């Protein structure tokens, strides 16, 4: 009973910040039923982004204040245990570093088994992510209709991010419960950074489809090697080979050709400045996510599924709080009720996204990152082809040249990377034999 003061302070900080930010969010959302002109700020993606960020701040601000208070007051050293203390310890400090490594058995596979397993991974990745990409374009660009003759389009990108993340969290959590994992010792708060960047990249990706065509978005995603290299310099202090700069230049050139060739059909989404800004933001956030996760994998020994579970847990919390503040849950569920086809598409998107993440980890563990990169590069090319066939996107000769340049540069990068590794391996063997 002597140490209830800090617990009261922590609960008070959470209560005050949550209530205050909820009031701020409500003030921004007031009079939403009042009609506005199409040029009103309320109808822009920047307004929707502002509301989302207020929701995420409801987690970040009290989390930061509690983090500082716990360290200043030495709460954990003097708390004497308890449920709240254990939760804060897991979030702020993590467990000790006495890890018990789990090294799964890796039986030697025959050529036939390797071929069948590679085919399984290829079909799984292509099926899940091609389905996800086509449905993503459908949900964000096509109108839904019902038996009563009602026609409407779904516009809440954040709700789609939420349903994707909740299923991915359930899948990864179930996998962790079924199979032994390495002891997790990382403070949970470190997941918050890549979780935030992950949901922001997904939100920008969905939102961009309102302003750019799907082939443009897919090619931009294939070109994210450039921002990944920039983030690698800033976050991980990485050094790059000359061929990596050359392939980055070729990718930029290919993207320029494709963007200059964009001549949309009647009724097709036109690439706008807003679309380019959102694509740039998507690539920046996505690049930070992969680099930050790489730092965490290096610093802490954890399985990829643990990373998937932790990131998606925070993503669910961020998006759920923001959607609750904006009152989006009732609107989205009402849209589902009015248009049952949308509910089916949402479910399929979530299943394909969650299954795709599991296939990613399985493929990398079985065949390594190079084979995985090749499979996903083929997937991006097929996604453009399918989108053009299904949704009638026109691509000129200059655009086709741009696509060939981008994917050719990616395969060239993979080839040079493998050649460089082989040369370094031979040099190391030569030096070892001389010694």
Protein backbone atom coordinates (compact mmCIF):
# COMPACT_ATOMS: atom_id res chain seq x y z
CA UNK A 1 0.00 0.00 0.00
CA UNK A 2 2.99 2.27 0.54
CA UNK A 3 3.75 2.53 -3.11
CA UNK A 4 0.41 3.22 -4.74
CA UNK A 5 1.44 6.81 -5.57
CA UNK A 6 3.37 6.07 -8.80
CA UNK A 7 0.61 3.75 -10.03
CA UNK A 8 -1.93 6.55 -9.51
CA UNK A 9 0.35 8.96 -11.38
CA UNK A 10 0.70 6.53 -14.31
CA UNK A 11 -3.06 5.92 -14.52
CA UNK A 12 -3.71 9.67 -14.24
CA UNK A 13 -1.28 10.42 -17.11
CA UNK A 14 -2.99 7.83 -19.32
CA UNK A 15 -6.49 9.10 -18.46
CA UNK A 16 -5.73 12.81 -18.96
CA UNK A 17 -3.86 12.41 -22.27
CA UNK A 18 -6.44 10.02 -23.73
CA UNK A 19 -9.36 12.30 -22.78
CA UNK A 20 -7.56 15.44 -23.99
CA UNK A 21 -6.65 13.97 -27.39
CA UNK A 22 -10.13 12.51 -27.76
CA UNK A 23 -11.58 16.01 -27.25
CA UNK A 24 -9.15 17.45 -29.82
CA UNK A 25 -10.11 14.73 -32.30
CA UNK A 26 -13.81 15.39 -31.66
CA UNK A 27 -13.34 19.13 -32.28
CA UNK A 28 -11.78 18.40 -35.67
CA UNK A 29 -14.60 15.99 -36.48
CA UNK A 30 -17.47 18.29 -35.46
CA UNK A 31 -20.01 19.45 -37.99
CA UNK A 32 -19.03 16.62 -40.30
CA UNK A 33 -22.62 16.53 -41.54
CA UNK A 34 -22.41 20.13 -42.74
CA UNK A 35 -21.98 20.15 -46.53
CA UNK A 36 -18.64 21.40 -47.85
CA UNK A 37 -17.46 22.28 -51.32
CA UNK A 38 -15.32 19.69 -53.06
CA UNK A 39 -12.31 21.94 -52.49
CA UNK A 40 -12.79 21.95 -48.72
CA UNK A 41 -9.88 20.85 -46.53
CA UNK A 42 -12.20 18.31 -44.89
CA UNK A 43 -12.32 16.32 -48.13
CA UNK A 44 -8.55 16.13 -48.58
CA UNK A 45 -6.21 13.28 -47.70
CA UNK A 46 -4.27 15.73 -45.50
CA UNK A 47 -7.32 16.17 -43.25
CA UNK A 48 -7.75 12.39 -42.94
CA UNK A 49 -4.03 12.07 -42.18
CA UNK A 50 -4.31 14.74 -39.45
CA UNK A 51 -7.14 12.84 -37.73
CA UNK A 52 -5.14 9.61 -37.94
CA UNK A 53 -2.05 11.23 -36.40
CA UNK A 54 -4.10 12.60 -33.49
CA UNK A 55 -5.26 9.03 -32.84
CA UNK A 56 -1.71 7.66 -32.93
CA UNK A 57 -0.59 10.45 -30.59
CA UNK A 58 -3.09 9.06 -28.05
CA UNK A 59 -0.71 6.09 -27.73
CA UNK A 60 2.62 7.82 -28.30
CA UNK A 61 2.26 10.76 -25.89
CA UNK A 62 1.21 8.85 -22.73
CA UNK A 63 3.68 6.12 -23.65
CA UNK A 64 6.53 8.65 -23.82
CA UNK A 65 5.50 10.35 -20.57
CA UNK A 66 5.27 7.03 -18.72
CA UNK A 67 8.62 5.94 -20.16
CA UNK A 68 10.30 9.09 -18.81
CA UNK A 69 8.48 8.89 -15.46
CA UNK A 70 9.43 5.24 -14.91
CA UNK A 71 13.12 5.99 -15.44
CA UNK A 72 13.16 9.19 -13.38
CA UNK A 73 11.18 7.78 -10.43
CA UNK A 74 12.85 4.31 -10.56
CA UNK A 75 9.34 2.87 -10.32
CA UNK A 76 10.28 -0.67 -11.38
CA UNK A 77 13.04 -0.97 -8.79
CA UNK A 78 10.66 0.01 -5.98
CA UNK A 79 7.30 -1.30 -7.19
CA UNK A 80 7.52 -4.73 -5.59
CA UNK A 81 5.87 -6.46 -8.53
CA UNK A 82 2.23 -6.51 -9.53
CA UNK A 83 0.39 -6.71 -12.84
CA UNK A 84 0.96 -3.06 -13.85
CA UNK A 85 4.67 -3.28 -12.99
CA UNK A 86 5.10 -6.44 -15.11
CA UNK A 87 3.36 -4.83 -18.09
CA UNK A 88 5.49 -1.68 -17.83
CA UNK A 89 8.65 -3.78 -17.42
CA UNK A 90 7.88 -5.76 -20.60
CA UNK A 91 7.20 -2.55 -22.52
CA UNK A 92 10.05 -0.39 -21.19
CA UNK A 93 12.91 -2.74 -20.26
CA UNK A 94 12.15 -6.21 -21.59
CA UNK A 95 13.55 -9.42 -20.16
CA UNK A 96 17.14 -10.27 -19.33
CA UNK A 97 19.59 -11.42 -21.98
CA UNK A 98 19.92 -15.02 -20.76
CA UNK A 99 18.45 -16.45 -23.93
CA UNK A 100 17.91 -20.07 -24.70
CA UNK A 101 18.35 -20.42 -28.43
CA UNK A 102 15.91 -22.57 -30.32
CA UNK A 103 17.64 -24.16 -33.27
CA UNK A 104 15.07 -26.05 -35.30
CA UNK A 105 16.07 -29.25 -37.01
CA UNK A 106 16.98 -28.71 -40.67
CA UNK A 107 16.76 -32.07 -42.42
CA UNK A 108 18.57 -32.45 -45.75
CA UNK A 109 16.08 -32.28 -48.64
CA UNK A 110 16.36 -34.11 -51.94
CA UNK A 111 16.18 -32.29 -55.30
CA UNK A 112 12.58 -33.42 -55.76
CA UNK A 113 11.62 -32.17 -52.29
CA UNK A 114 13.39 -28.87 -52.92
CA UNK A 115 11.57 -28.45 -56.24
CA UNK A 116 8.15 -29.19 -54.73
CA UNK A 117 8.83 -26.90 -51.76
CA UNK A 118 9.96 -24.06 -54.05
CA UNK A 119 6.84 -24.55 -56.17
CA UNK A 120 4.71 -24.43 -53.02
CA UNK A 121 6.37 -21.16 -51.91
CA UNK A 122 6.08 -19.67 -55.42
CA UNK A 123 2.38 -20.51 -55.76
CA UNK A 124 1.66 -19.39 -52.19
CA UNK A 125 3.36 -16.01 -52.59
CA UNK A 126 1.96 -15.35 -56.06
CA UNK A 127 -1.56 -16.43 -55.12
CA UNK A 128 -1.75 -14.49 -51.86
CA UNK A 129 -0.18 -11.23 -53.03
CA UNK A 130 -1.73 -11.14 -56.50
CA UNK A 131 -5.14 -11.66 -54.88
CA UNK A 132 -4.32 -8.96 -52.33
CA UNK A 133 -3.20 -6.48 -55.03
CA UNK A 134 -6.20 -6.96 -57.31
CA UNK A 135 -8.67 -6.72 -54.41
CA UNK A 136 -6.86 -3.69 -53.05
CA UNK A 137 -7.39 -1.88 -56.34
CA UNK A 138 -11.01 -3.01 -56.48
CA UNK A 139 -11.87 -1.82 -52.95
CA UNK A 140 -10.27 1.61 -53.34
CA UNK A 141 -11.24 2.44 -56.95
CA UNK A 142 -14.47 0.57 -57.78
CA UNK A 143 -18.04 1.33 -56.72
CA UNK A 144 -20.15 -1.23 -54.83
CA UNK A 145 -23.83 -1.86 -55.49
CA UNK A 146 -26.51 -3.93 -53.78
CA UNK A 147 -29.87 -5.47 -54.66
CA UNK A 148 -31.69 -2.23 -53.73
CA UNK A 149 -29.81 -0.28 -56.37
CA UNK A 150 -27.62 1.65 -53.91
CA UNK A 151 -24.18 2.55 -55.27
CA UNK A 152 -21.26 3.83 -53.19
CA UNK A 153 -17.47 3.75 -52.89
CA UNK A 154 -15.51 2.91 -49.73
CA UNK A 155 -13.03 5.64 -48.74
CA UNK A 156 -11.65 4.78 -45.28
CA UNK A 157 -8.11 3.50 -45.95
CA UNK A 158 -7.31 3.17 -42.25
CA UNK A 159 -10.11 0.66 -41.67
CA UNK A 160 -8.60 -1.59 -44.35
CA UNK A 161 -5.21 -1.32 -42.63
CA UNK A 162 -6.88 -2.33 -39.34
CA UNK A 163 -8.61 -5.44 -40.71
CA UNK A 164 -5.36 -6.54 -42.39
CA UNK A 165 -3.36 -6.11 -39.19
CA UNK A 166 -5.85 -7.80 -36.85
CA UNK A 167 -5.86 -11.00 -38.89
CA UNK A 168 -2.05 -10.93 -39.33
CA UNK A 169 -1.70 -10.59 -35.55
CA UNK A 170 -4.03 -13.55 -34.97
CA UNK A 171 -2.17 -15.72 -37.50
CA UNK A 172 1.29 -14.90 -36.12
CA UNK A 173 0.09 -15.25 -32.52
CA UNK A 174 -1.38 -18.68 -33.27
CA UNK A 175 1.89 -19.74 -34.94
CA UNK A 176 3.87 -18.67 -31.86
CA UNK A 177 1.55 -20.63 -29.57
CA UNK A 178 1.89 -23.77 -31.72
CA UNK A 179 5.68 -23.72 -32.24
CA UNK A 180 8.53 -22.96 -29.84
CA UNK A 181 10.24 -19.61 -30.35
CA UNK A 182 13.44 -18.00 -29.04
CA UNK A 183 13.07 -16.26 -25.68
CA UNK A 184 11.87 -12.71 -26.34
CA UNK A 185 13.95 -10.12 -24.48
CA UNK A 186 13.40 -6.88 -26.42
CA UNK A 187 11.44 -4.00 -24.83
CA UNK A 188 8.06 -3.92 -26.53
CA UNK A 189 8.09 -0.15 -27.07
CA UNK A 190 10.71 -0.58 -29.82
CA UNK A 191 8.05 -2.24 -31.97
CA UNK A 192 6.07 1.02 -31.90
CA UNK A 193 8.42 2.82 -34.31
CA UNK A 194 8.31 0.28 -37.13
CA UNK A 195 4.63 -0.35 -36.40
CA UNK A 196 3.87 3.33 -36.92
CA UNK A 197 5.91 3.47 -40.12
CA UNK A 198 4.27 0.22 -41.27
CA UNK A 199 0.69 1.46 -40.87
CA UNK A 200 1.64 4.82 -42.40
CA UNK A 201 3.14 3.11 -45.45
CA UNK A 202 0.03 0.93 -45.81
CA UNK A 203 -2.29 3.93 -45.39
CA UNK A 204 -0.36 5.92 -48.01
CA UNK A 205 -0.47 2.91 -50.31
CA UNK A 206 -4.27 2.59 -50.07
CA UNK A 207 -4.81 6.36 -50.21
CA UNK A 208 -2.54 6.75 -53.25
CA UNK A 209 -4.87 4.52 -55.30
CA UNK A 210 -7.35 7.42 -55.26
CA UNK A 211 -4.81 9.53 -57.15
CA UNK A 212 -2.65 7.14 -59.22
CA UNK A 213 -3.27 4.03 -61.30
CA UNK A 214 -2.44 0.62 -59.85
CA UNK A 215 0.38 -0.11 -62.38
CA UNK A 216 2.00 3.21 -61.38
CA UNK A 217 1.84 2.22 -57.72
CA UNK A 218 3.25 -1.27 -58.33
CA UNK A 219 6.16 0.12 -60.33
CA UNK A 220 6.82 2.70 -57.60
CA UNK A 221 6.92 -0.17 -55.07
CA UNK A 222 9.40 -1.99 -57.28
CA UNK A 223 11.53 1.17 -57.27
CA UNK A 224 11.76 1.50 -53.50
CA UNK A 225 15.39 0.32 -53.60
CA UNK A 226 16.35 4.00 -53.83
CA UNK A 227 14.71 5.17 -50.56
CA UNK A 228 15.82 1.91 -48.93
CA UNK A 229 19.42 2.81 -49.76
CA UNK A 230 18.93 6.34 -48.41
CA UNK A 231 17.39 5.00 -45.17
CA UNK A 232 20.15 2.41 -44.95
CA UNK A 233 22.69 5.24 -44.97
CA UNK A 234 20.79 7.20 -42.32
CA UNK A 235 19.59 4.40 -40.00
CA UNK A 236 22.12 1.57 -40.39
CA UNK A 237 25.19 3.47 -41.74
CA UNK A 238 25.41 0.98 -44.59
CA UNK A 239 27.86 1.20 -47.51
CA UNK A 240 26.81 0.29 -51.06
CA UNK A 241 28.64 -1.07 -54.10
CA UNK A 242 28.93 0.80 -57.40
CA UNK A 243 26.45 -1.52 -59.17
CA UNK A 244 23.81 -0.70 -56.57
CA UNK A 245 24.01 3.00 -57.49
CA UNK A 246 23.88 2.13 -61.22
CA UNK A 247 20.78 -0.06 -60.79
CA UNK A 248 19.16 2.66 -58.66
CA UNK A 249 19.77 5.13 -61.50
CA UNK A 250 18.28 2.70 -64.05
CA UNK A 251 15.22 2.23 -61.84
CA UNK A 252 14.77 6.01 -61.59
CA UNK A 253 15.06 6.30 -65.37
CA UNK A 254 12.52 3.50 -65.90
CA UNK A 255 10.06 5.13 -63.50
CA UNK A 256 10.47 8.45 -65.32
CA UNK A 257 9.68 6.78 -68.67
CA UNK A 258 6.62 5.08 -67.22
CA UNK A 259 5.30 8.26 -65.57
CA UNK A 260 5.79 10.28 -68.79
CA UNK A 261 3.89 7.62 -70.75
CA UNK A 262 0.83 7.73 -68.48
CA UNK A 263 -2.19 8.39 -70.68
CA UNK A 264 -5.26 7.30 -68.68
CA UNK A 265 -8.35 5.87 -70.29
CA UNK A 266 -11.74 7.44 -69.77
CA UNK A 267 -12.74 6.94 -66.14
CA UNK A 268 -9.25 5.80 -65.12
CA UNK A 269 -7.45 7.35 -62.14
CA UNK A 270 -5.11 10.15 -63.23
CA UNK A 271 -1.70 10.49 -61.57
CA UNK A 272 -1.71 13.76 -59.58
CA UNK A 273 0.70 15.64 -57.32
CA UNK A 274 -1.14 14.23 -54.29
CA UNK A 275 -0.62 10.73 -55.63
CA UNK A 276 3.11 11.31 -56.12
CA UNK A 277 3.44 12.75 -52.59
CA UNK A 278 1.63 9.74 -51.13
CA UNK A 279 3.79 7.31 -53.12
CA UNK A 280 6.95 9.09 -51.95
CA UNK A 281 5.67 8.93 -48.34
CA UNK A 282 4.84 5.24 -48.79
CA UNK A 283 8.37 4.44 -49.98
CA UNK A 284 9.96 6.52 -47.20
CA UNK A 285 7.93 4.87 -44.41
CA UNK A 286 8.32 1.39 -45.92
CA UNK A 287 12.09 1.87 -46.22
CA UNK A 288 12.33 2.93 -42.59
CA UNK A 289 10.29 -0.11 -41.52
CA UNK A 290 12.63 -2.63 -43.17
CA UNK A 291 15.79 -0.88 -41.94
CA UNK A 292 14.53 -0.52 -38.36
CA UNK A 293 13.47 -4.17 -38.30
CA UNK A 294 16.93 -5.09 -39.59
CA UNK A 295 18.50 -3.20 -36.68
CA UNK A 296 16.23 -5.01 -34.20
CA UNK A 297 17.03 -8.42 -35.72
CA UNK A 298 20.74 -7.67 -35.38
CA UNK A 299 20.50 -6.32 -31.83
CA UNK A 300 18.03 -8.88 -30.43
CA UNK A 301 17.70 -12.54 -31.33
CA UNK A 302 14.09 -13.08 -32.29
CA UNK A 303 12.21 -15.05 -34.92
CA UNK A 304 10.57 -13.26 -37.89
CA UNK A 305 7.15 -14.45 -36.66
CA UNK A 306 7.78 -12.77 -33.30
CA UNK A 307 8.57 -9.58 -35.20
CA UNK A 308 5.38 -9.99 -37.23
CA UNK A 309 3.31 -10.51 -34.08
CA UNK A 310 4.82 -7.55 -32.20
CA UNK A 311 4.52 -5.10 -35.08
CA UNK A 312 0.94 -6.12 -35.85
CA UNK A 313 -0.03 -5.90 -32.16
CA UNK A 314 0.97 -2.23 -32.01
CA UNK A 315 -0.57 -1.62 -35.45
CA UNK A 316 -3.92 -2.95 -34.19
CA UNK A 317 -3.73 -0.69 -31.12
CA UNK A 318 -2.80 2.42 -33.13
CA UNK A 319 -5.47 1.98 -35.81
CA UNK A 320 -8.21 0.84 -33.40
CA UNK A 321 -7.76 3.91 -31.16
CA UNK A 322 -7.73 6.26 -34.16
CA UNK A 323 -10.82 4.63 -35.73
CA UNK A 324 -12.66 4.80 -32.39
CA UNK A 325 -11.86 8.50 -31.98
CA UNK A 326 -13.14 9.29 -35.47
CA UNK A 327 -16.26 7.16 -35.07
CA UNK A 328 -15.25 5.15 -38.12
CA UNK A 329 -16.18 1.70 -36.85
CA UNK A 330 -19.98 2.22 -37.06
CA UNK A 331 -19.66 3.80 -40.53
CA UNK A 332 -17.48 0.98 -41.87
CA UNK A 333 -19.67 -1.75 -40.38
CA UNK A 334 -22.75 0.00 -41.81
CA UNK A 335 -21.06 -0.02 -45.24
CA UNK A 336 -20.38 -3.75 -44.80
CA UNK A 337 -24.04 -4.35 -43.94
CA UNK A 338 -25.24 -2.32 -46.91
CA UNK A 339 -22.79 -3.92 -49.37
CA UNK A 340 -22.08 -7.58 -48.46
CA UNK A 341 -19.62 -7.89 -51.37
CA UNK A 342 -17.40 -5.36 -49.62
CA UNK A 343 -17.34 -7.50 -46.48
CA UNK A 344 -16.25 -10.52 -48.55
CA UNK A 345 -13.52 -8.46 -50.24
CA UNK A 346 -12.30 -7.20 -46.84
CA UNK A 347 -12.09 -10.74 -45.53
CA UNK A 348 -10.23 -11.96 -48.63
CA UNK A 349 -7.78 -9.02 -48.47
CA UNK A 350 -7.03 -9.76 -44.82
CA UNK A 351 -6.57 -13.50 -45.41
CA UNK A 352 -4.33 -12.99 -48.44
CA UNK A 353 -2.25 -10.33 -46.64
CA UNK A 354 -1.78 -12.44 -43.48
CA UNK A 355 -1.06 -15.62 -45.43
CA UNK A 356 1.37 -13.71 -47.64
CA UNK A 357 3.37 -12.55 -44.61
CA UNK A 358 3.65 -16.14 -43.36
CA UNK A 359 4.76 -17.29 -46.83
CA UNK A 360 7.43 -14.56 -46.80
CA UNK A 361 8.98 -15.85 -43.59
CA UNK A 362 8.69 -19.48 -44.69
CA UNK A 363 10.30 -18.82 -48.09
CA UNK A 364 13.21 -16.84 -46.62
CA UNK A 365 13.84 -19.54 -44.00
CA UNK A 366 13.87 -22.30 -46.66
CA UNK A 367 15.60 -20.64 -49.66
CA UNK A 368 17.03 -17.33 -48.47
CA UNK A 369 16.32 -13.69 -49.38
CA UNK A 370 17.58 -13.85 -53.00
CA UNK A 371 15.06 -16.47 -54.13
CA UNK A 372 12.35 -14.58 -52.25
CA UNK A 373 13.29 -11.30 -54.00
CA UNK A 374 13.14 -12.96 -57.42
CA UNK A 375 9.70 -14.44 -56.69
CA UNK A 376 8.35 -11.08 -55.47
CA UNK A 377 9.82 -9.27 -58.47
CA UNK A 378 7.99 -11.68 -60.78
CA UNK A 379 4.87 -11.05 -58.69
CA UNK A 380 5.07 -7.30 -59.28
CA UNK A 381 5.32 -7.82 -63.04
CA UNK A 382 2.34 -10.19 -62.99
CA UNK A 383 0.38 -7.70 -60.85
CA UNK A 384 0.81 -5.00 -63.50
CA UNK A 385 -0.22 -7.43 -66.25
CA UNK A 386 -3.32 -8.61 -64.37
CA UNK A 387 -4.34 -5.06 -63.47
CA UNK A 388 -4.05 -3.98 -67.11
CA UNK A 389 -6.14 -6.97 -68.25
CA UNK A 390 -8.84 -6.69 -65.56
CA UNK A 391 -9.16 -2.91 -65.27
CA UNK A 392 -8.16 -1.94 -68.85
CA UNK A 393 -5.11 0.23 -68.08
CA UNK A 394 -3.38 1.41 -71.26
CA UNK A 395 0.45 1.39 -71.38
CA UNK A 396 2.37 2.94 -74.30
CA UNK A 397 5.67 1.74 -75.79
CA UNK A 398 7.55 4.25 -73.61
CA UNK A 399 5.76 2.85 -70.55
CA UNK A 400 6.69 -0.72 -71.50
CA UNK A 401 10.31 0.44 -71.90
CA UNK A 402 10.15 1.90 -68.40
CA UNK A 403 8.78 -1.35 -66.95
CA UNK A 404 11.51 -3.39 -68.66
CA UNK A 405 14.17 -0.99 -67.34
CA UNK A 406 12.89 -1.24 -63.75
CA UNK A 407 12.61 -5.02 -63.60
CA UNK A 408 15.79 -5.51 -65.64
CA UNK A 409 17.67 -3.34 -63.14
CA UNK A 410 16.26 -5.36 -60.23
CA UNK A 411 17.37 -8.68 -61.76
CA UNK A 412 20.77 -7.12 -62.61
CA UNK A 413 21.12 -6.08 -58.99
CA UNK A 414 20.34 -9.63 -57.80
CA UNK A 415 22.84 -11.11 -60.28
CA UNK A 416 25.64 -8.68 -59.31
CA UNK A 417 24.95 -9.27 -55.63
CA UNK A 418 25.31 -13.04 -56.07
CA UNK A 419 28.47 -12.67 -58.20
CA UNK A 420 30.07 -10.40 -55.60
CA UNK A 421 29.27 -12.87 -52.81
CA UNK A 422 30.80 -15.72 -54.86
CA UNK A 423 33.98 -13.70 -55.54
CA UNK A 424 34.34 -12.77 -51.87
CA UNK A 425 33.80 -16.40 -50.89
CA UNK A 426 36.56 -17.58 -53.25
CA UNK A 427 38.93 -14.89 -51.94
CA UNK A 428 38.28 -15.95 -48.35
CA UNK A 429 38.92 -19.61 -49.24
CA UNK A 430 42.15 -18.66 -51.04
CA UNK A 431 43.35 -16.57 -48.08
CA UNK A 432 42.45 -19.42 -45.69
CA UNK A 433 44.38 -22.01 -47.70
CA UNK A 434 47.47 -19.75 -47.76
CA UNK A 435 47.34 -19.39 -43.99
